[in-house]
Amino acid sequence: MNYDTFVDQVARRTQVDSERAVQLTHAILETLAERLTGGEALDLAAQLPAPLQMVLKPSPRTESADRFGSAEFLARVGRRAGVDEPAAREAVRAVFTTLREALTGGEFDDMATQLPRDYRKLVEPALAPGAAVLRRG
């Protein structure tokens, strides 16, 4: 999936403009990179367009996963993106659904297995039948 398509799908799913979709996507991927091991973040990055790869590239400080639950994940996304918890939750679902479409070879499932059970409500909507159907506004 190319960068413009990724951003467009996030924008449509969250009903925001492309610029805001980029901000939300970056906030979510930065937070995800903190939560995943460096190797898993690199695996994800390898399948994404170059502008998104840079967001996921681990640094020495992010090589090991930072252990935090889904509530903290949403709080970090909210702080980075300047949105409240419900908006952060909707954006995470939109980006996760778009990631599932963009990734091949079971990479989304590999990522999801690194997340604890309390992330289930964030991950499962991306796996649901019909999740890839874009909302029309």
C-alpha atoms as a PDB file:
ATOM      1  CA  MET A   1       0.000   0.000   0.000  1.00  0.00           C
ATOM      2  CA  ASN A   2       1.421   3.402  -0.885  1.00  0.00           C
ATOM      3  CA  TYR A   3       1.593   6.358   1.492  1.00  0.00           C
ATOM      4  CA  ASP A   4      -1.249   8.380  -0.054  1.00  0.00           C
ATOM      5  CA  THR A   5      -3.594   5.395   0.047  1.00  0.00           C
ATOM      6  CA  PHE A   6      -2.714   4.672   3.673  1.00  0.00           C
ATOM      7  CA  VAL A   7      -3.372   8.287   4.708  1.00  0.00           C
ATOM      8  CA  ASP A   8      -6.567   8.454   2.636  1.00  0.00           C
ATOM      9  CA  GLN A   9      -7.956   5.321   4.273  1.00  0.00           C
ATOM     10  CA  VAL A  10      -7.195   6.611   7.767  1.00  0.00           C
ATOM     11  CA  ALA A  11      -8.768   9.969   6.851  1.00  0.00           C
ATOM     12  CA  ARG A  12     -11.940   8.311   5.583  1.00  0.00           C
ATOM     13  CA  ARG A  13     -12.230   6.013   8.578  1.00  0.00           C
ATOM     14  CA  THR A  14     -11.776   8.850  11.061  1.00  0.00           C
ATOM     15  CA  GLN A  15     -13.643  11.418   8.954  1.00  0.00           C
ATOM     16  CA  VAL A  16     -10.825  13.957   9.110  1.00  0.00           C
ATOM     17  CA  ASP A  17      -8.719  15.672   6.446  1.00  0.00           C
ATOM     18  CA  SER A  18      -5.455  14.198   5.199  1.00  0.00           C
ATOM     19  CA  GLU A  19      -3.255  16.475   7.299  1.00  0.00           C
ATOM     20  CA  ARG A  20      -5.038  15.424  10.488  1.00  0.00           C
ATOM     21  CA  ALA A  21      -4.922  11.763   9.415  1.00  0.00           C
ATOM     22  CA  VAL A  22      -1.128  12.050   9.091  1.00  0.00           C
ATOM     23  CA  GLN A  23      -0.887  13.529  12.607  1.00  0.00           C
ATOM     24  CA  LEU A  24      -3.068  10.762  14.061  1.00  0.00           C
ATOM     25  CA  THR A  25      -1.167   8.042  12.210  1.00  0.00           C
ATOM     26  CA  HIS A  26       2.189   9.336  13.416  1.00  0.00           C
ATOM     27  CA  ALA A  27       0.966   9.599  17.025  1.00  0.00           C
ATOM     28  CA  ILE A  28      -0.283   6.012  16.922  1.00  0.00           C
ATOM     29  CA  LEU A  29       2.776   4.547  15.204  1.00  0.00           C
ATOM     30  CA  GLU A  30       5.151   6.379  17.578  1.00  0.00           C
ATOM     31  CA  THR A  31       3.257   4.953  20.538  1.00  0.00           C
ATOM     32  CA  LEU A  32       3.150   1.497  18.958  1.00  0.00           C
ATOM     33  CA  ALA A  33       6.920   1.634  18.399  1.00  0.00           C
ATOM     34  CA  GLU A  34       7.362   2.241  22.131  1.00  0.00           C
ATOM     35  CA  ARG A  35       5.169  -0.753  22.986  1.00  0.00           C
ATOM     36  CA  LEU A  36       6.723  -3.281  20.571  1.00  0.00           C
ATOM     37  CA  THR A  37      10.166  -4.808  20.645  1.00  0.00           C
ATOM     38  CA  GLY A  38      12.593  -3.199  18.233  1.00  0.00           C
ATOM     39  CA  GLY A  39      12.585  -6.279  16.008  1.00  0.00           C
ATOM     40  CA  GLU A  40       8.810  -6.287  15.638  1.00  0.00           C
ATOM     41  CA  ALA A  41       8.767  -2.546  14.954  1.00  0.00           C
ATOM     42  CA  LEU A  42      11.348  -3.116  12.192  1.00  0.00           C
ATOM     43  CA  ASP A  43       9.250  -5.949  10.733  1.00  0.00           C
ATOM     44  CA  LEU A  44       6.239  -3.638  10.567  1.00  0.00           C
ATOM     45  CA  ALA A  45       8.249  -0.756   9.169  1.00  0.00           C
ATOM     46  CA  ALA A  46       9.648  -2.924   6.370  1.00  0.00           C
ATOM     47  CA  GLN A  47       6.162  -3.309   4.893  1.00  0.00           C
ATOM     48  CA  LEU A  48       5.060   0.315   5.174  1.00  0.00           C
ATOM     49  CA  PRO A  49       5.697   3.317   2.915  1.00  0.00           C
ATOM     50  CA  ALA A  50       8.954   5.188   3.611  1.00  0.00           C
ATOM     51  CA  PRO A  51       7.387   8.162   5.449  1.00  0.00           C
ATOM     52  CA  LEU A  52       5.790   5.755   7.938  1.00  0.00           C
ATOM     53  CA  GLN A  53       8.894   3.573   8.248  1.00  0.00           C
ATOM     54  CA  MET A  54      10.750   6.470   9.824  1.00  0.00           C
ATOM     55  CA  VAL A  55       8.122   6.744  12.570  1.00  0.00           C
ATOM     56  CA  LEU A  56       8.531   3.078  13.519  1.00  0.00           C
ATOM     57  CA  LYS A  57      12.336   2.834  13.393  1.00  0.00           C
ATOM     58  CA  PRO A  58      13.532   1.796  16.840  1.00  0.00           C
ATOM     59  CA  SER A  59      16.304   3.618  18.604  1.00  0.00           C
ATOM     60  CA  PRO A  60      18.579   2.129  21.281  1.00  0.00           C
ATOM     61  CA  ARG A  61      16.147   3.418  23.915  1.00  0.00           C
ATOM     62  CA  THR A  62      13.188   1.683  22.202  1.00  0.00           C
ATOM     63  CA  GLU A  63      14.872  -1.654  21.426  1.00  0.00           C
ATOM     64  CA  SER A  64      12.953  -3.388  24.206  1.00  0.00           C
ATOM     65  CA  ALA A  65       9.219  -3.005  24.602  1.00  0.00           C
ATOM     66  CA  ASP A  66       7.957  -0.480  27.105  1.00  0.00           C
ATOM     67  CA  ARG A  67       5.299  -2.323  29.120  1.00  0.00           C
ATOM     68  CA  PHE A  68       2.069  -0.350  29.342  1.00  0.00           C
ATOM     69  CA  GLY A  69      -1.590  -1.237  28.996  1.00  0.00           C
ATOM     70  CA  SER A  70      -4.207  -0.097  26.537  1.00  0.00           C
ATOM     71  CA  ALA A  71      -5.368   2.806  28.728  1.00  0.00           C
ATOM     72  CA  GLU A  72      -1.844   4.229  28.763  1.00  0.00           C
ATOM     73  CA  PHE A  73      -1.536   3.540  25.026  1.00  0.00           C
ATOM     74  CA  LEU A  74      -4.659   5.637  24.390  1.00  0.00           C
ATOM     75  CA  ALA A  75      -3.461   8.348  26.791  1.00  0.00           C
ATOM     76  CA  ARG A  76      -0.109   8.610  24.981  1.00  0.00           C
ATOM     77  CA  VAL A  77      -1.810   8.741  21.589  1.00  0.00           C
ATOM     78  CA  GLY A  78      -4.180  11.402  22.914  1.00  0.00           C
ATOM     79  CA  ARG A  79      -1.328  13.551  24.228  1.00  0.00           C
ATOM     80  CA  ARG A  80       0.646  13.249  21.002  1.00  0.00           C
ATOM     81  CA  ALA A  81      -2.343  13.942  18.769  1.00  0.00           C
ATOM     82  CA  GLY A  82      -4.115  16.429  21.021  1.00  0.00           C
ATOM     83  CA  VAL A  83      -7.345  14.424  21.214  1.00  0.00           C
ATOM     84  CA  ASP A  84      -9.515  12.978  23.978  1.00  0.00           C
ATOM     85  CA  GLU A  85      -9.750   9.257  24.776  1.00  0.00           C
ATOM     86  CA  PRO A  86     -12.780   8.457  22.565  1.00  0.00           C
ATOM     87  CA  ALA A  87     -11.159  10.168  19.563  1.00  0.00           C
ATOM     88  CA  ALA A  88      -7.859   8.403  20.275  1.00  0.00           C
ATOM     89  CA  ARG A  89      -9.682   5.053  20.444  1.00  0.00           C
ATOM     90  CA  GLU A  90     -11.411   5.652  17.082  1.00  0.00           C
ATOM     91  CA  ALA A  91      -8.138   6.747  15.480  1.00  0.00           C
ATOM     92  CA  VAL A  92      -6.306   3.668  16.806  1.00  0.00           C
ATOM     93  CA  ARG A  93      -8.988   1.410  15.367  1.00  0.00           C
ATOM     94  CA  ALA A  94      -8.750   3.206  12.003  1.00  0.00           C
ATOM     95  CA  VAL A  95      -4.962   2.966  11.867  1.00  0.00           C
ATOM     96  CA  PHE A  96      -4.937  -0.660  13.036  1.00  0.00           C
ATOM     97  CA  THR A  97      -7.509  -1.576  10.353  1.00  0.00           C
ATOM     98  CA  THR A  98      -5.401   0.177   7.725  1.00  0.00           C
ATOM     99  CA  LEU A  99      -2.268  -1.547   9.025  1.00  0.00           C
ATOM    100  CA  ARG A 100      -4.003  -4.921   8.736  1.00  0.00           C
ATOM    101  CA  GLU A 101      -4.738  -4.143   5.084  1.00  0.00           C
ATOM    102  CA  ALA A 102      -1.212  -2.894   4.388  1.00  0.00           C
ATOM    103  CA  LEU A 103       0.718  -5.726   6.037  1.00  0.00           C
ATOM    104  CA  THR A 104       1.247  -9.147   4.498  1.00  0.00           C
ATOM    105  CA  GLY A 105       2.416 -12.538   5.702  1.00  0.00           C
ATOM    106  CA  GLY A 106       0.626 -12.454   9.026  1.00  0.00           C
ATOM    107  CA  GLU A 107       2.630  -9.442  10.207  1.00  0.00           C
ATOM    108  CA  PHE A 108      -0.431  -7.778  11.758  1.00  0.00           C
ATOM    109  CA  ASP A 109      -1.105 -10.941  13.776  1.00  0.00           C
ATOM    110  CA  ASP A 110       2.556 -11.048  14.868  1.00  0.00           C
ATOM    111  CA  MET A 111       2.244  -7.475  16.091  1.00  0.00           C
ATOM    112  CA  ALA A 112      -1.041  -8.173  17.869  1.00  0.00           C
ATOM    113  CA  THR A 113       0.451 -11.120  19.766  1.00  0.00           C
ATOM    114  CA  GLN A 114       3.004  -8.784  21.372  1.00  0.00           C
ATOM    115  CA  LEU A 115       0.194  -6.774  22.918  1.00  0.00           C
ATOM    116  CA  PRO A 116      -1.406  -7.872  26.197  1.00  0.00           C
ATOM    117  CA  ARG A 117      -5.018  -9.004  26.464  1.00  0.00           C
ATOM    118  CA  ASP A 118      -6.310  -5.592  27.471  1.00  0.00           C
ATOM    119  CA  TYR A 119      -5.505  -4.377  23.937  1.00  0.00           C
ATOM    120  CA  ARG A 120      -8.090  -6.770  22.551  1.00  0.00           C
ATOM    121  CA  LYS A 121     -10.751  -4.032  22.213  1.00  0.00           C
ATOM    122  CA  LEU A 122      -8.322  -2.008  20.110  1.00  0.00           C
ATOM    123  CA  VAL A 123      -7.131  -4.875  17.904  1.00  0.00           C
ATOM    124  CA  GLU A 124     -10.276  -6.943  17.361  1.00  0.00           C
ATOM    125  CA  PRO A 125     -12.208  -4.300  15.368  1.00  0.00           C
ATOM    126  CA  ALA A 126      -9.396  -4.395  12.794  1.00  0.00           C
ATOM    127  CA  LEU A 127      -9.859  -8.160  12.473  1.00  0.00           C
ATOM    128  CA  ALA A 128     -13.658  -8.140  12.260  1.00  0.00           C
ATOM    129  CA  PRO A 129     -15.360  -9.065   8.991  1.00  0.00           C
ATOM    130  CA  GLY A 130     -16.192  -5.881   7.144  1.00  0.00           C
ATOM    131  CA  ALA A 131     -13.608  -3.824   9.034  1.00  0.00           C
ATOM    132  CA  ALA A 132     -11.924  -2.974   5.762  1.00  0.00           C
ATOM    133  CA  VAL A 133     -15.107  -1.479   4.322  1.00  0.00           C
ATOM    134  CA  LEU A 134     -14.603   2.260   4.319  1.00  0.00           C
ATOM    135  CA  ARG A 135     -17.268   4.465   5.808  1.00  0.00           C
ATOM    136  CA  ARG A 136     -18.777   6.795   3.284  1.00  0.00           C
ATOM    137  CA  GLY A 137     -19.556  10.245   4.530  1.00  0.00           C
END
